[in-house]
């Protein structure tokens, strides 16, 4: 999966979705800056969050 990092990422956190799986989310409601990435575990979610925080706006991230 690839993600183009938006300019505004907000607060990234790992949450349990309604179906019971985990996902990395931010609290932004607008679609160009909204992030929803499914993850396998909490550790995998933390790796995704670190990759997003280390990248620059507009950079392509492969997850």
PDB file of N, CA and C in Angstrom:
ATOM      1  N   UNK A   1       0.846  -1.182   0.000  1.00  0.00           N
ATOM      2  CA  UNK A   1       0.000   0.000   0.000  1.00  0.00           C
ATOM      3  C   UNK A   1       0.885   1.235   0.000  1.00  0.00           C
ATOM      4  N   UNK A   2       0.479   2.240  -0.761  1.00  0.00           N
ATOM      5  CA  UNK A   2       1.253   3.473  -0.754  1.00  0.00           C
ATOM      6  C   UNK A   2       0.377   4.624  -0.285  1.00  0.00           C
ATOM      7  N   UNK A   3       1.038   5.594   0.351  1.00  0.00           N
ATOM      8  CA  UNK A   3       0.355   6.748   0.925  1.00  0.00           C
ATOM      9  C   UNK A   3       1.158   7.986   0.567  1.00  0.00           C
ATOM     10  N   UNK A   4       0.491   9.019   0.104  1.00  0.00           N
ATOM     11  CA  UNK A   4       1.150  10.306  -0.107  1.00  0.00           C
ATOM     12  C   UNK A   4       0.878  11.125   1.148  1.00  0.00           C
ATOM     13  N   UNK A   5       1.961  11.504   1.840  1.00  0.00           N
ATOM     14  CA  UNK A   5       1.820  12.182   3.123  1.00  0.00           C
ATOM     15  C   UNK A   5       1.202  13.561   2.925  1.00  0.00           C
ATOM     16  N   UNK A   6       0.085  13.838   3.624  1.00  0.00           N
ATOM     17  CA  UNK A   6      -0.539  15.158   3.520  1.00  0.00           C
ATOM     18  C   UNK A   6       0.267  16.211   4.283  1.00  0.00           C
ATOM     19  N   UNK A   7      -0.018  17.486   4.029  1.00  0.00           N
ATOM     20  CA  UNK A   7       0.688  18.564   4.727  1.00  0.00           C
ATOM     21  C   UNK A   7       0.370  18.567   6.215  1.00  0.00           C
ATOM     22  N   UNK A   8      -0.893  18.323   6.559  1.00  0.00           N
ATOM     23  CA  UNK A   8      -1.322  18.332   7.955  1.00  0.00           C
ATOM     24  C   UNK A   8      -1.643  16.893   8.353  1.00  0.00           C
ATOM     25  N   UNK A   9      -0.906  16.349   9.347  1.00  0.00           N
ATOM     26  CA  UNK A   9      -1.181  14.973   9.760  1.00  0.00           C
ATOM     27  C   UNK A   9      -1.953  14.911  11.070  1.00  0.00           C
ATOM     28  N   UNK A  10      -1.911  15.958  11.875  1.00  0.00           N
ATOM     29  CA  UNK A  10      -2.649  15.966  13.134  1.00  0.00           C
ATOM     30  C   UNK A  10      -2.100  14.953  14.119  1.00  0.00           C
ATOM     31  N   UNK A  11      -2.934  14.483  15.025  1.00  0.00           N
ATOM     32  CA  UNK A  11      -2.551  13.502  16.029  1.00  0.00           C
ATOM     33  C   UNK A  11      -2.851  12.106  15.500  1.00  0.00           C
ATOM     34  N   UNK A  12      -1.813  11.300  15.325  1.00  0.00           N
ATOM     35  CA  UNK A  12      -1.984   9.935  14.839  1.00  0.00           C
ATOM     36  C   UNK A  12      -2.135   8.994  16.020  1.00  0.00           C
ATOM     37  N   UNK A  13      -3.099   8.078  15.930  1.00  0.00           N
ATOM     38  CA  UNK A  13      -3.285   7.101  17.003  1.00  0.00           C
ATOM     39  C   UNK A  13      -3.822   5.801  16.436  1.00  0.00           C
ATOM     40  N   UNK A  14      -3.684   4.746  17.219  1.00  0.00           N
ATOM     41  CA  UNK A  14      -4.156   3.418  16.826  1.00  0.00           C
ATOM     42  C   UNK A  14      -5.494   3.186  17.518  1.00  0.00           C
ATOM     43  N   UNK A  15      -6.519   2.858  16.742  1.00  0.00           N
ATOM     44  CA  UNK A  15      -7.853   2.625  17.302  1.00  0.00           C
ATOM     45  C   UNK A  15      -8.419   1.317  16.784  1.00  0.00           C
ATOM     46  N   UNK A  16      -9.339   0.761  17.531  1.00  0.00           N
ATOM     47  CA  UNK A  16     -10.061  -0.434  17.104  1.00  0.00           C
ATOM     48  C   UNK A  16     -11.291   0.009  16.317  1.00  0.00           C
ATOM     49  N   UNK A  17     -11.439  -0.542  15.125  1.00  0.00           N
ATOM     50  CA  UNK A  17     -12.559  -0.181  14.259  1.00  0.00           C
ATOM     51  C   UNK A  17     -13.806  -0.976  14.681  1.00  0.00           C
ATOM     52  N   UNK A  18     -14.942  -0.693  14.053  1.00  0.00           N
ATOM     53  CA  UNK A  18     -16.194  -1.361  14.407  1.00  0.00           C
ATOM     54  C   UNK A  18     -16.141  -2.861  14.104  1.00  0.00           C
ATOM     55  N   UNK A  19     -15.387  -3.263  13.095  1.00  0.00           N
ATOM     56  CA  UNK A  19     -15.294  -4.674  12.730  1.00  0.00           C
ATOM     57  C   UNK A  19     -14.341  -5.439  13.646  1.00  0.00           C
ATOM     58  N   UNK A  20     -13.600  -4.730  14.518  1.00  0.00           N
ATOM     59  CA  UNK A  20     -12.697  -5.387  15.453  1.00  0.00           C
ATOM     60  C   UNK A  20     -11.241  -5.342  15.054  1.00  0.00           C
ATOM     61  N   UNK A  21     -10.936  -4.833  13.853  1.00  0.00           N
ATOM     62  CA  UNK A  21      -9.544  -4.746  13.428  1.00  0.00           C
ATOM     63  C   UNK A  21      -8.942  -3.415  13.869  1.00  0.00           C
ATOM     64  N   UNK A  22      -7.601  -3.321  13.849  1.00  0.00           N
ATOM     65  CA  UNK A  22      -6.907  -2.106  14.256  1.00  0.00           C
ATOM     66  C   UNK A  22      -6.593  -1.242  13.043  1.00  0.00           C
ATOM     67  N   UNK A  23      -6.535   0.069  13.265  1.00  0.00           N
ATOM     68  CA  UNK A  23      -6.193   0.995  12.189  1.00  0.00           C
ATOM     69  C   UNK A  23      -5.520   2.229  12.763  1.00  0.00           C
ATOM     70  N   UNK A  24      -4.644   2.833  11.964  1.00  0.00           N
ATOM     71  CA  UNK A  24      -4.012   4.100  12.318  1.00  0.00           C
ATOM     72  C   UNK A  24      -4.910   5.206  11.778  1.00  0.00           C
ATOM     73  N   UNK A  25      -5.321   6.121  12.658  1.00  0.00           N
ATOM     74  CA  UNK A  25      -6.238   7.203  12.293  1.00  0.00           C
ATOM     75  C   UNK A  25      -5.701   8.542  12.759  1.00  0.00           C
ATOM     76  N   UNK A  26      -6.138   9.605  12.098  1.00  0.00           N
ATOM     77  CA  UNK A  26      -5.954  10.942  12.643  1.00  0.00           C
ATOM     78  C   UNK A  26      -7.336  11.551  12.836  1.00  0.00           C
ATOM     79  N   UNK A  27      -7.414  12.643  13.541  1.00  0.00           N
ATOM     80  CA  UNK A  27      -8.701  13.225  13.924  1.00  0.00           C
ATOM     81  C   UNK A  27      -9.229  14.233  12.902  1.00  0.00           C
ATOM     82  N   UNK A  28      -8.635  14.285  11.716  1.00  0.00           N
ATOM     83  CA  UNK A  28      -9.020  15.265  10.706  1.00  0.00           C
ATOM     84  C   UNK A  28     -10.198  14.731   9.891  1.00  0.00           C
ATOM     85  N   UNK A  29     -11.210  15.553   9.686  1.00  0.00           N
ATOM     86  CA  UNK A  29     -12.418  15.136   8.982  1.00  0.00           C
ATOM     87  C   UNK A  29     -12.356  15.397   7.475  1.00  0.00           C
ATOM     88  N   UNK A  30     -11.538  16.372   7.038  1.00  0.00           N
ATOM     89  CA  UNK A  30     -11.461  16.718   5.609  1.00  0.00           C
ATOM     90  C   UNK A  30     -10.729  15.629   4.849  1.00  0.00           C
ATOM     91  N   UNK A  31     -11.265  15.247   3.703  1.00  0.00           N
ATOM     92  CA  UNK A  31     -10.729  14.108   2.960  1.00  0.00           C
ATOM     93  C   UNK A  31      -9.290  14.251   2.477  1.00  0.00           C
ATOM     94  N   UNK A  32      -8.767  15.399   2.053  1.00  0.00           N
ATOM     95  CA  UNK A  32      -7.384  15.376   1.586  1.00  0.00           C
ATOM     96  C   UNK A  32      -6.367  15.118   2.696  1.00  0.00           C
ATOM     97  N   UNK A  33      -6.696  15.423   3.937  1.00  0.00           N
ATOM     98  CA  UNK A  33      -5.762  15.239   5.043  1.00  0.00           C
ATOM     99  C   UNK A  33      -6.133  14.059   5.945  1.00  0.00           C
ATOM    100  N   UNK A  34      -7.238  13.406   5.679  1.00  0.00           N
ATOM    101  CA  UNK A  34      -7.687  12.298   6.515  1.00  0.00           C
ATOM    102  C   UNK A  34      -6.840  11.054   6.252  1.00  0.00           C
ATOM    103  N   UNK A  35      -6.453  10.350   7.324  1.00  0.00           N
ATOM    104  CA  UNK A  35      -5.641   9.139   7.214  1.00  0.00           C
ATOM    105  C   UNK A  35      -6.361   7.996   7.919  1.00  0.00           C
ATOM    106  N   UNK A  36      -6.576   6.883   7.211  1.00  0.00           N
ATOM    107  CA  UNK A  36      -7.104   5.648   7.782  1.00  0.00           C
ATOM    108  C   UNK A  36      -6.315   4.506   7.146  1.00  0.00           C
ATOM    109  N   UNK A  37      -5.443   3.869   7.952  1.00  0.00           N
ATOM    110  CA  UNK A  37      -4.598   2.790   7.443  1.00  0.00           C
ATOM    111  C   UNK A  37      -4.794   1.568   8.331  1.00  0.00           C
ATOM    112  N   UNK A  38      -5.291   0.458   7.789  1.00  0.00           N
ATOM    113  CA  UNK A  38      -5.427  -0.760   8.597  1.00  0.00           C
ATOM    114  C   UNK A  38      -4.058  -1.327   8.954  1.00  0.00           C
ATOM    115  N   UNK A  39      -3.939  -1.890  10.165  1.00  0.00           N
ATOM    116  CA  UNK A  39      -2.674  -2.481  10.608  1.00  0.00           C
ATOM    117  C   UNK A  39      -2.941  -3.827  11.277  1.00  0.00           C
ATOM    118  N   UNK A  40      -1.907  -4.682  11.309  1.00  0.00           N
ATOM    119  CA  UNK A  40      -2.050  -6.032  11.831  1.00  0.00           C
ATOM    120  C   UNK A  40      -2.014  -6.083  13.356  1.00  0.00           C
ATOM    121  N   UNK A  41      -1.194  -5.223  13.981  1.00  0.00           N
ATOM    122  CA  UNK A  41      -1.038  -5.238  15.430  1.00  0.00           C
ATOM    123  C   UNK A  41      -0.666  -3.835  15.904  1.00  0.00           C
ATOM    124  N   UNK A  42      -0.561  -3.675  17.216  1.00  0.00           N
ATOM    125  CA  UNK A  42      -0.184  -2.381  17.779  1.00  0.00           C
ATOM    126  C   UNK A  42       1.247  -2.022  17.369  1.00  0.00           C
ATOM    127  N   UNK A  43       2.151  -3.014  17.368  1.00  0.00           N
ATOM    128  CA  UNK A  43       3.540  -2.758  16.971  1.00  0.00           C
ATOM    129  C   UNK A  43       3.617  -2.308  15.509  1.00  0.00           C
ATOM    130  N   UNK A  44       2.848  -2.970  14.645  1.00  0.00           N
ATOM    131  CA  UNK A  44       2.814  -2.581  13.230  1.00  0.00           C
ATOM    132  C   UNK A  44       2.260  -1.167  13.095  1.00  0.00           C
ATOM    133  N   UNK A  45       1.264  -0.821  13.871  1.00  0.00           N
ATOM    134  CA  UNK A  45       0.694   0.526  13.855  1.00  0.00           C
ATOM    135  C   UNK A  45       1.713   1.572  14.278  1.00  0.00           C
ATOM    136  N   UNK A  46       2.530   1.254  15.294  1.00  0.00           N
ATOM    137  CA  UNK A  46       3.560   2.188  15.748  1.00  0.00           C
ATOM    138  C   UNK A  46       4.620   2.398  14.670  1.00  0.00           C
ATOM    139  N   UNK A  47       4.956   1.347  13.925  1.00  0.00           N
ATOM    140  CA  UNK A  47       5.913   1.481  12.819  1.00  0.00           C
ATOM    141  C   UNK A  47       5.355   2.407  11.739  1.00  0.00           C
ATOM    142  N   UNK A  48       4.073   2.259  11.422  1.00  0.00           N
ATOM    143  CA  UNK A  48       3.427   3.110  10.417  1.00  0.00           C
ATOM    144  C   UNK A  48       3.441   4.566  10.867  1.00  0.00           C
ATOM    145  N   UNK A  49       3.121   4.813  12.138  1.00  0.00           N
ATOM    146  CA  UNK A  49       3.110   6.177  12.670  1.00  0.00           C
ATOM    147  C   UNK A  49       4.502   6.791  12.587  1.00  0.00           C
ATOM    148  N   UNK A  50       5.542   6.020  12.926  1.00  0.00           N
ATOM    149  CA  UNK A  50       6.908   6.536  12.845  1.00  0.00           C
ATOM    150  C   UNK A  50       7.300   6.871  11.417  1.00  0.00           C
ATOM    151  N   UNK A  51       6.912   6.020  10.449  1.00  0.00           N
ATOM    152  CA  UNK A  51       7.218   6.292   9.038  1.00  0.00           C
ATOM    153  C   UNK A  51       6.547   7.580   8.576  1.00  0.00           C
ATOM    154  N   UNK A  52       5.303   7.787   8.974  1.00  0.00           N
ATOM    155  CA  UNK A  52       4.566   8.989   8.562  1.00  0.00           C
ATOM    156  C   UNK A  52       5.190  10.233   9.174  1.00  0.00           C
ATOM    157  N   UNK A  53       5.571  10.166  10.458  1.00  0.00           N
ATOM    158  CA  UNK A  53       6.149  11.334  11.135  1.00  0.00           C
ATOM    159  C   UNK A  53       7.517  11.702  10.578  1.00  0.00           C
ATOM    160  N   UNK A  54       8.308  10.720  10.141  1.00  0.00           N
ATOM    161  CA  UNK A  54       9.656  10.983   9.624  1.00  0.00           C
ATOM    162  C   UNK A  54       9.648  11.497   8.194  1.00  0.00           C
ATOM    163  N   UNK A  55       8.564  11.287   7.461  1.00  0.00           N
ATOM    164  CA  UNK A  55       8.503  11.697   6.060  1.00  0.00           C
ATOM    165  C   UNK A  55       8.174  13.184   5.922  1.00  0.00           C
ATOM    166  N   UNK A  56       8.395  13.694   4.722  1.00  0.00           N
ATOM    167  CA  UNK A  56       8.116  15.093   4.414  1.00  0.00           C
ATOM    168  C   UNK A  56       6.768  15.202   3.690  1.00  0.00           C
ATOM    169  N   UNK A  57       6.096  16.355   3.762  1.00  0.00           N
ATOM    170  CA  UNK A  57       4.824  16.525   3.048  1.00  0.00           C
ATOM    171  C   UNK A  57       4.971  16.277   1.548  1.00  0.00           C
ATOM    172  N   UNK A  58       4.066  15.493   0.979  1.00  0.00           N
ATOM    173  CA  UNK A  58       4.084  15.173  -0.430  1.00  0.00           C
ATOM    174  C   UNK A  58       4.893  13.946  -0.793  1.00  0.00           C
ATOM    175  N   UNK A  59       5.627  13.392   0.174  1.00  0.00           N
ATOM    176  CA  UNK A  59       6.461  12.217  -0.073  1.00  0.00           C
ATOM    177  C   UNK A  59       5.594  10.965  -0.143  1.00  0.00           C
ATOM    178  N   UNK A  60       5.971  10.007  -1.000  1.00  0.00           N
ATOM    179  CA  UNK A  60       5.241   8.747  -1.125  1.00  0.00           C
ATOM    180  C   UNK A  60       5.828   7.759  -0.129  1.00  0.00           C
ATOM    181  N   UNK A  61       4.961   7.154   0.700  1.00  0.00           N
ATOM    182  CA  UNK A  61       5.385   6.189   1.711  1.00  0.00           C
ATOM    183  C   UNK A  61       4.789   4.842   1.340  1.00  0.00           C
ATOM    184  N   UNK A  62       5.624   3.815   1.310  1.00  0.00           N
ATOM    185  CA  UNK A  62       5.150   2.453   1.026  1.00  0.00           C
ATOM    186  C   UNK A  62       5.019   1.697   2.334  1.00  0.00           C
ATOM    187  N   UNK A  63       3.817   1.182   2.590  1.00  0.00           N
ATOM    188  CA  UNK A  63       3.526   0.499   3.847  1.00  0.00           C
ATOM    189  C   UNK A  63       3.239  -0.965   3.547  1.00  0.00           C
TER     190      UNK A  63
END
